Protein backbone atom coordinates (compact mmCIF):
# COMPACT_ATOMS: atom_id res chain seq x y z
CA MET A 1 170.16 91.40 132.40
CA ALA A 2 170.84 89.91 128.83
CA LEU A 3 168.36 89.11 125.95
CA ARG A 4 169.22 85.21 127.38
CA HIS A 5 167.75 85.51 130.70
CA ALA A 6 164.47 86.99 129.34
CA VAL A 7 164.33 83.94 127.13
CA LEU A 8 164.90 81.46 129.31
CA ALA A 9 162.24 83.54 131.56
CA ALA A 10 159.68 83.48 128.72
CA LEU A 11 160.11 79.65 128.17
CA LEU A 12 159.03 79.09 131.83
CA ASP A 13 155.58 79.04 130.57
CA GLY A 14 156.48 75.79 128.61
CA GLU A 15 157.51 74.84 125.04
CA SER A 16 157.46 77.56 122.52
CA SER A 17 158.18 78.44 118.75
CA GLY A 18 160.17 81.29 117.94
CA TYR A 19 157.03 83.01 116.67
CA GLN A 20 155.03 82.29 119.98
CA LEU A 21 157.93 83.64 121.97
CA ALA A 22 157.83 86.74 119.69
CA ARG A 23 154.57 87.25 120.76
CA SER A 24 155.13 86.68 124.03
CA PHE A 25 157.54 89.08 123.98
CA ASP A 26 154.88 91.74 122.38
CA LEU A 27 152.50 90.90 124.97
CA GLY A 28 153.78 89.92 128.56
CA MET A 29 157.49 91.27 128.40
CA ALA A 30 157.22 94.20 126.48
CA ASN A 31 156.90 96.00 129.43
CA PHE A 32 160.27 95.32 130.54
CA TRP A 33 162.50 93.88 127.86
CA HIS A 34 162.17 94.81 124.14
CA ALA A 35 163.21 92.27 121.48
CA LEU A 36 163.25 92.26 117.77
CA PRO A 37 162.14 88.62 116.42
CA GLN A 38 165.35 88.41 114.76
CA GLN A 39 166.88 88.88 118.05
CA LEU A 40 165.06 86.25 119.51
CA TYR A 41 165.67 83.62 116.98
CA LEU A 42 169.42 84.23 117.10
CA GLU A 43 169.23 83.71 120.65
CA LEU A 44 167.52 80.95 120.73
CA THR A 45 170.13 79.30 118.60
CA LYS A 46 172.89 80.25 120.97
CA LEU A 47 170.54 79.05 123.75
CA GLU A 48 170.71 75.88 122.23
CA LYS A 49 174.02 75.51 121.37
CA ASP A 50 174.70 76.45 125.22
CA GLY A 51 172.78 73.39 126.13
CA LEU A 52 170.17 76.04 128.19
CA VAL A 53 167.47 75.35 125.96
CA GLU A 54 166.22 72.33 123.76
CA GLY A 55 164.63 72.51 120.24
CA ARG A 56 162.78 69.93 118.22
CA ARG A 57 161.57 69.93 114.92
CA VAL A 58 157.71 69.50 114.29
CA ILE A 59 156.11 68.87 110.68
CA GLN A 60 153.61 70.35 109.75
CA GLU A 61 150.95 69.51 107.03
CA SER A 62 150.56 72.89 104.91
CA ARG A 63 152.83 74.85 106.11
CA PRO A 64 156.98 75.10 106.77
CA PRO A 65 158.18 72.73 109.48
CA LYS A 66 158.60 74.61 112.86
CA ARG A 67 160.84 74.14 115.91
CA LEU A 68 159.46 74.59 119.53
CA PHE A 69 162.02 75.05 122.46
CA THR A 70 161.52 74.13 126.12
CA LEU A 71 164.08 74.90 128.87
CA THR A 72 166.71 72.48 129.99
CA GLU A 73 167.92 71.73 133.64
CA ALA A 74 170.57 73.59 132.64
CA GLY A 75 168.55 76.56 131.24
CA LEU A 76 166.56 76.38 134.98
CA ALA A 77 170.21 76.52 136.84
CA GLU A 78 170.81 79.44 134.73
CA LEU A 79 167.82 81.13 135.90
CA ALA A 80 168.49 80.25 139.40
CA ARG A 81 172.18 81.83 139.15
CA PHE A 82 170.47 85.09 137.77
CA ALA A 83 167.79 85.67 139.74
CA GLU A 84 170.94 85.45 142.81
CA ALA A 85 172.95 87.73 141.62
CA ALA A 86 171.96 91.64 142.10
CA ALA A 87 169.82 93.50 140.23
CA LYS A 88 171.23 96.65 138.54
CA PRO A 89 169.51 99.73 138.62
CA SER A 90 167.11 100.89 135.94
CA PHE A 91 167.41 104.03 134.38
CA ILE A 92 165.42 106.09 131.65
CA ARG A 93 166.61 106.67 128.37
CA ASP A 94 163.60 108.84 126.36
CA ASP A 95 163.94 110.74 123.17
CA LEU A 96 161.01 112.68 124.11
CA MET A 97 162.20 113.43 127.54
CA VAL A 98 165.10 114.96 125.59
CA LYS A 99 162.91 116.95 123.55
CA VAL A 100 160.64 118.33 126.49
CA GLN A 101 164.14 119.27 128.32
CA ALA A 102 164.79 121.18 125.25
CA VAL A 103 161.25 122.85 124.44
CA ASP A 104 162.16 126.53 125.95
CA HIS A 105 164.31 126.70 122.96
CA GLY A 106 162.57 125.55 119.84
CA PRO A 107 158.99 124.62 118.69
CA VAL A 108 156.31 123.40 121.32
CA GLU A 109 153.79 122.47 118.58
CA PRO A 110 155.80 119.06 117.59
CA VAL A 111 156.73 118.13 121.05
CA LEU A 112 152.76 118.90 122.30
CA GLU A 113 151.65 116.14 119.15
CA GLN A 114 154.26 113.76 120.29
CA LEU A 115 152.99 113.99 123.98
CA ASP A 116 149.64 113.50 122.60
CA GLU A 117 150.86 110.38 120.48
CA ARG A 118 152.41 109.07 123.34
CA ALA A 119 149.64 109.42 125.82
CA ALA A 120 147.61 107.54 123.30
CA MET A 121 150.11 104.86 123.04
CA ALA A 122 149.65 104.41 127.10
CA ALA A 123 146.43 104.64 126.75
CA ALA A 124 145.98 101.77 124.47
CA LYS A 125 148.72 99.24 126.63
CA ILE A 126 146.92 100.39 129.82
CA ASP A 127 143.36 98.43 128.56
CA ILE A 128 145.97 95.83 127.10
CA PHE A 129 147.78 95.47 130.66
CA GLU A 130 144.15 95.04 132.33
CA ARG A 131 142.50 92.61 130.26
CA PHE A 132 145.48 90.57 130.56
CA LEU A 133 145.43 91.06 134.21
CA ARG A 134 142.04 89.86 134.35
CA ARG A 135 142.59 87.04 132.25
CA LEU A 136 145.49 85.65 134.51
CA ARG A 137 143.18 86.42 137.69
CA GLY A 138 140.01 84.57 135.96
CA ASP A 139 137.51 85.17 138.80
CA LEU A 140 139.84 85.83 141.60
CA ASP A 141 140.68 89.23 142.96
CA GLU A 142 144.10 90.36 143.07
CA GLU A 143 145.39 89.40 146.62
CA THR A 144 143.23 86.08 146.33
CA PHE A 145 145.27 85.49 143.43
CA LEU A 146 148.77 86.44 144.54
CA ALA A 147 148.05 84.52 147.67
CA THR A 148 146.69 81.21 145.47
CA ALA A 149 148.07 81.00 142.12
CA GLU A 150 150.78 78.46 141.10
CA ARG A 151 152.48 81.25 139.23
CA VAL A 152 152.79 85.09 140.04
CA GLY A 153 155.76 86.47 138.20
CA PRO A 154 153.85 87.11 134.68
CA TYR A 155 150.78 88.99 136.73
CA LEU A 156 153.40 90.99 139.12
CA THR A 157 155.70 92.23 136.05
CA CYS A 158 152.31 92.47 133.99
CA LEU A 159 151.28 94.81 136.81
CA ARG A 160 154.57 96.97 136.63
CA GLY A 161 153.99 97.37 133.37
CA LEU A 162 150.72 98.87 133.68
CA ARG A 163 151.79 100.92 136.59
CA PHE A 164 154.74 102.05 134.23
CA GLU A 165 151.92 103.07 131.24
CA GLU A 166 149.86 104.82 133.75
CA GLU A 167 152.24 107.37 135.21
CA THR A 168 153.30 107.54 131.56
CA ALA A 169 149.81 108.81 130.57
CA ALA A 170 149.65 111.13 133.80
CA TRP A 171 153.11 112.94 132.67
CA CYS A 172 152.61 113.00 129.32
CA ALA A 173 149.09 114.72 129.90
CA ARG A 174 150.60 116.90 132.76
CA THR A 175 153.53 118.09 130.44
CA ALA A 176 151.14 118.96 127.32
CA GLY A 177 149.28 120.69 129.61
CA ALA A 178 151.49 122.75 131.31
CA LEU A 179 153.30 123.34 127.73
CA ARG A 180 149.77 124.66 126.16
CA VAL A 181 149.50 127.00 128.82
CA ARG A 182 152.72 128.73 128.80
CA SER A 183 152.84 128.57 124.99
CA GLY A 184 149.02 130.02 124.93
CA LEU A 185 147.90 126.76 123.13
CA ALA A 186 144.00 125.46 123.26
CA ARG A 187 143.86 122.16 122.48
CA GLY A 188 143.18 122.03 119.06
CA GLY A 189 145.03 125.29 118.09
CA PRO A 190 146.12 128.72 119.01
CA ARG A 191 143.80 131.21 121.04
CA PRO A 192 142.20 133.61 119.68
């Protein structure tokens, strides 16, 4: 998947500035696509040049002008073509997993610290995802929401992000626990 498709998909929710799009990526799309704000602004320029989005300048009273972007019919058609193409399998590329792979030949403590940090980050993301999912559902239970909501794509991708972070937290806890037992380390320092 190219960044262009992720940007086009983010614009399905309606007109957005580059800043709003960057926030959208941080909150809703970060579980499956990471992009820096600079990359998003550059991609918006390319998409506008290709006729896939349309930008308009908005004058603001006490701030500099901003540009708002919307999908064009050509942008919707590009998303449809993308949806029809075969999806490439995903893969994991994670430097922490490389460190765990090599932990038997180096110091354990730094790896344990990083596992604990990663677990804490996953827990924070779990909280964000759960609040976002509740906000999307409103008063509906999940099955009713999925059966009746106008749009379920953002909910389903957020649900995948939640499951990913839950698995990450569980893996970090299990891995750190095993390494602590093997190295004789108790949480907080060496055993007496």
